[in-house]
């Protein structure tokens, strides 16, 4: 869980980290997804994308961002090559 939060915000300032954690908690409250469910969703997305292309899972980044009244899932999935 903490590792996922760190990936959301690579900044080292404790104030910024605390702010990101609070936003993360607020987002979870709003969309009613537990951290475990969010991790499962992330794994499912990786599994689906990996059916078609080889991905670099170590460099994968996913985050939830608030946009006015909605949430947006942002994913940066580095692709190595097309599966043959």
Foldseek 3Di string as FASTA:
>chain_A
DVVLLCLVPVDDPVVVSVVSVVVVVVVCVVVVADPVNVVVVVVVVCVVVCVWFAWDVVPKHWDWDDDPPDIDIDIDIHTDGTDD
